[in-house]
Protein backbone atom coordinates (compact mmCIF):
# COMPACT_ATOMS: atom_id res chain seq x y z
CA MET A 1 -53.38 127.61 61.49
CA ARG A 2 -53.35 130.35 58.91
CA GLN A 3 -56.32 131.97 57.21
CA ARG A 4 -55.88 133.44 53.76
CA ALA A 5 -58.02 135.76 51.69
CA ASN A 6 -57.09 136.64 48.11
CA LEU A 7 -59.36 139.00 46.16
CA TRP A 8 -58.61 139.38 42.48
CA ALA A 9 -60.14 141.53 39.75
CA GLN A 10 -59.15 142.07 36.15
CA TYR A 11 -60.42 143.97 33.17
CA ASP A 12 -59.61 143.51 29.47
CA LEU A 13 -59.61 146.72 27.45
CA PRO A 14 -59.49 146.06 23.68
CA THR A 15 -58.07 148.93 21.58
CA THR A 16 -56.83 149.41 18.02
CA VAL A 17 -53.20 149.00 19.24
CA GLY A 18 -53.88 145.75 21.10
CA THR A 19 -55.54 144.55 24.26
CA PHE A 20 -54.68 145.94 27.67
CA ASN A 21 -55.31 143.78 30.71
CA LEU A 22 -55.52 145.57 34.05
CA SER A 23 -55.50 143.47 37.22
CA LEU A 24 -55.59 143.99 40.97
CA LEU A 25 -54.81 141.43 43.68
CA GLN A 26 -55.43 142.13 47.36
CA ARG A 27 -54.00 139.54 49.78
CA TYR A 28 -54.40 139.01 53.50
CA HIS A 29 -52.63 136.19 55.36
CA SER A 30 -53.18 135.83 59.09
CA ALA A 31 -50.20 135.43 61.38
CA LEU A 32 -48.41 132.10 61.76
CA SER A 33 -47.42 130.87 65.19
CA TYR A 34 -44.32 129.38 66.79
CA SER A 35 -43.40 128.06 70.21
CA ALA A 36 -40.65 128.22 72.82
CA VAL A 37 -39.07 124.76 72.49
CA GLY A 38 -35.81 123.64 74.03
CA THR A 39 -33.96 120.43 74.79
CA ILE A 40 -33.74 118.90 78.23
CA ASP A 41 -32.10 115.81 79.73
CA VAL A 42 -34.55 113.68 81.72
CA ARG A 43 -32.05 111.01 82.85
CA LYS A 44 -31.56 110.63 86.58
CA GLY A 45 -28.01 111.47 87.62
CA ALA A 46 -27.03 113.10 84.31
CA SER A 47 -24.92 116.23 84.79
CA ASN A 48 -27.61 118.49 83.29
CA GLY A 49 -30.58 116.33 84.29
CA PRO A 50 -32.85 116.48 87.31
CA ALA A 51 -31.79 114.64 90.49
CA ASP A 52 -35.17 112.89 90.52
CA GLY A 53 -35.19 112.14 86.77
CA VAL A 54 -36.14 108.83 85.22
CA VAL A 55 -33.76 105.89 85.53
CA ASN A 56 -34.66 104.52 82.12
CA PRO A 57 -37.78 105.67 80.29
CA GLY A 58 -37.97 102.38 78.40
CA TYR A 59 -35.22 102.76 75.81
CA SER A 60 -32.33 100.37 75.31
CA THR A 61 -30.14 103.50 75.42
CA PRO A 62 -31.90 106.48 77.05
CA PRO A 63 -31.83 109.67 74.95
CA THR A 64 -29.46 112.38 76.13
CA ASN A 65 -31.93 115.09 75.12
CA VAL A 66 -35.60 115.44 74.34
CA SER A 67 -37.57 118.40 73.01
CA TYR A 68 -39.75 120.17 75.55
CA TYR A 69 -42.37 122.89 74.94
CA PHE A 70 -41.77 125.64 77.49
CA SER A 71 -44.70 127.66 76.13
CA ASP A 72 -48.08 126.60 74.90
CA ARG A 73 -47.87 125.35 71.35
CA GLY A 74 -48.20 128.34 69.06
CA ALA A 75 -47.95 130.88 71.91
CA PHE A 76 -45.96 133.36 69.80
CA ARG A 77 -46.98 134.85 66.47
CA VAL A 78 -45.37 136.66 63.57
CA ASP A 79 -47.26 139.49 61.81
CA SER A 80 -50.42 139.22 59.76
CA ILE A 81 -49.59 140.18 56.18
CA SER A 82 -51.55 142.20 53.65
CA SER A 83 -50.44 143.31 50.23
CA THR A 84 -51.86 145.01 47.15
CA ASP A 85 -50.51 144.04 43.72
CA LEU A 86 -51.21 145.70 40.36
CA GLY A 87 -50.64 144.36 36.87
CA VAL A 88 -50.78 146.01 33.46
CA ASN A 89 -50.33 143.79 30.42
CA TRP A 90 -50.34 144.84 26.78
CA TYR A 91 -50.99 142.26 24.08
CA LEU A 92 -50.29 143.65 20.61
CA PRO A 93 -52.37 142.49 17.62
CA THR A 94 -51.46 139.10 16.14
CA ILE A 95 -49.27 139.21 13.06
CA ARG A 96 -48.76 135.97 11.08
CA GLY A 97 -49.73 133.84 14.11
CA ALA A 98 -47.34 135.62 16.49
CA ARG A 99 -48.32 138.01 19.23
CA LEU A 100 -45.94 140.33 21.09
CA PHE A 101 -46.79 141.09 24.70
CA ILE A 102 -45.46 143.30 27.49
CA GLU A 103 -46.29 142.45 31.09
CA THR A 104 -45.67 144.66 34.12
CA ASP A 105 -46.39 143.95 37.77
CA LEU A 106 -46.06 146.13 40.83
CA LEU A 107 -46.11 143.92 43.92
CA ASN A 108 -46.82 145.26 47.41
CA VAL A 109 -47.77 148.68 46.04
CA PHE A 110 -47.96 150.32 49.49
CA ASP A 111 -44.70 148.68 50.67
CA GLN A 112 -46.31 147.15 53.73
CA GLN A 113 -43.76 145.50 55.99
CA GLY A 114 -43.97 142.60 58.40
CA ILE A 115 -42.38 139.41 59.60
CA GLU A 116 -44.24 136.51 58.02
CA ASN A 117 -42.06 133.39 58.17
CA PRO A 118 -41.58 131.87 61.65
CA VAL A 119 -39.07 129.35 60.25
CA ALA A 120 -36.59 132.24 59.90
CA VAL A 121 -37.20 133.65 63.40
CA ASP A 122 -34.86 132.97 66.34
CA LYS A 123 -36.56 130.53 68.69
CA THR A 124 -33.59 129.85 71.00
CA VAL A 125 -34.52 128.63 74.46
CA LEU A 126 -31.78 128.31 77.08
CA THR A 127 -31.93 125.54 79.67
CA ARG A 128 -29.60 123.97 82.22
CA ARG A 129 -27.72 122.49 79.26
CA GLN A 130 -26.35 125.94 78.29
CA THR A 131 -23.99 127.68 80.70
CA THR A 132 -25.40 131.05 79.58
CA CYS A 133 -28.81 130.23 81.10
CA LEU A 134 -28.84 132.22 84.32
CA GLN A 135 -31.71 132.65 86.75
CA THR A 136 -33.30 136.08 86.49
CA GLY A 137 -31.34 138.73 88.38
CA THR A 138 -28.61 136.35 89.58
CA SER A 139 -25.42 134.68 88.45
CA THR A 140 -26.84 131.24 89.33
CA ARG A 141 -27.31 128.80 86.46
CA CYS A 142 -30.80 127.69 85.57
CA THR A 143 -31.84 124.61 87.50
CA ALA A 144 -32.86 121.27 86.06
CA PHE A 145 -36.42 120.07 86.53
CA ASN A 146 -38.33 116.82 86.16
CA PRO A 147 -40.89 117.32 83.35
CA PHE A 148 -42.98 114.45 84.72
CA THR A 149 -43.53 116.00 88.16
CA GLN A 150 -42.64 119.72 87.91
CA THR A 151 -43.70 122.72 85.84
CA PRO A 152 -40.65 124.70 84.70
CA GLN A 153 -40.55 128.40 85.57
CA GLN A 154 -39.15 130.99 83.17
CA GLY A 155 -36.25 132.73 84.86
CA VAL A 156 -35.54 129.71 87.08
CA ASN A 157 -35.47 126.63 84.84
CA TRP A 158 -35.30 128.27 81.41
CA GLN A 159 -34.88 131.58 79.59
CA LYS A 160 -35.70 132.87 76.13
CA GLY A 161 -32.53 133.43 74.14
CA PRO A 162 -31.36 137.05 73.82
CA ASN A 163 -32.66 137.25 70.23
CA PHE A 164 -35.82 135.20 70.72
CA GLY A 165 -38.50 136.31 68.25
CA THR A 166 -36.19 138.34 65.99
CA PRO A 167 -35.65 137.49 62.29
CA THR A 168 -32.52 135.53 61.40
CA SER A 169 -32.59 136.03 57.63
CA ALA A 170 -34.22 138.07 54.89
CA SER A 171 -36.66 135.22 54.22
CA ALA A 172 -38.47 136.08 57.47
CA TYR A 173 -39.77 139.35 56.02
CA GLN A 174 -42.67 140.11 53.75
CA GLN A 175 -41.62 140.79 50.16
CA PRO A 176 -40.97 144.54 49.79
CA ARG A 177 -42.35 146.65 46.94
CA THR A 178 -41.17 144.92 43.78
CA TYR A 179 -41.48 145.81 40.10
CA ARG A 180 -41.43 143.11 37.39
CA PHE A 181 -41.30 143.63 33.67
CA SER A 182 -41.28 141.10 30.85
CA VAL A 183 -41.52 141.09 27.08
CA GLY A 184 -42.41 138.01 25.12
CA LEU A 185 -43.71 136.50 21.93
CA LYS A 186 -46.59 134.02 21.76
CA PHE A 187 -47.03 131.92 18.66
């Protein structure tokens, strides 16, 4: 769950050359969470499944993989995000029903940086299904386990991927300092 706080203030300053609007927005968004989730095979006798797996969990065709939470749900978190935005807008006097305006915004004034989007974070979990899953400190592959009777151990039954928790795209990051400028006509 995410908590958000947005504090906003603005002031209109009328002058002989038009109205200036000054605004400030301070934002705080608490960190979002993500989990270590991987796929496992629970079928008895399957090449990557546990020897004591289920014969048929009640399906007409048993699934070859199911999602399994290796961590508590939401055990990992991205960064909490805060940002200060400033706006200066100038509305010129109305002439014949038309009004020219100039709007400027400076977003993330202090260029605060963080990872805010867990969707764009690597959450790879390696299990027996991947040949690259090796038990910690050995060249032995991770072992299968029965999720109904055993608790998997990190380093024995599963491993975090080599890039687990690192951003995979620019959309993972908080918006950097950004300047916007627009000119328009209202009528």
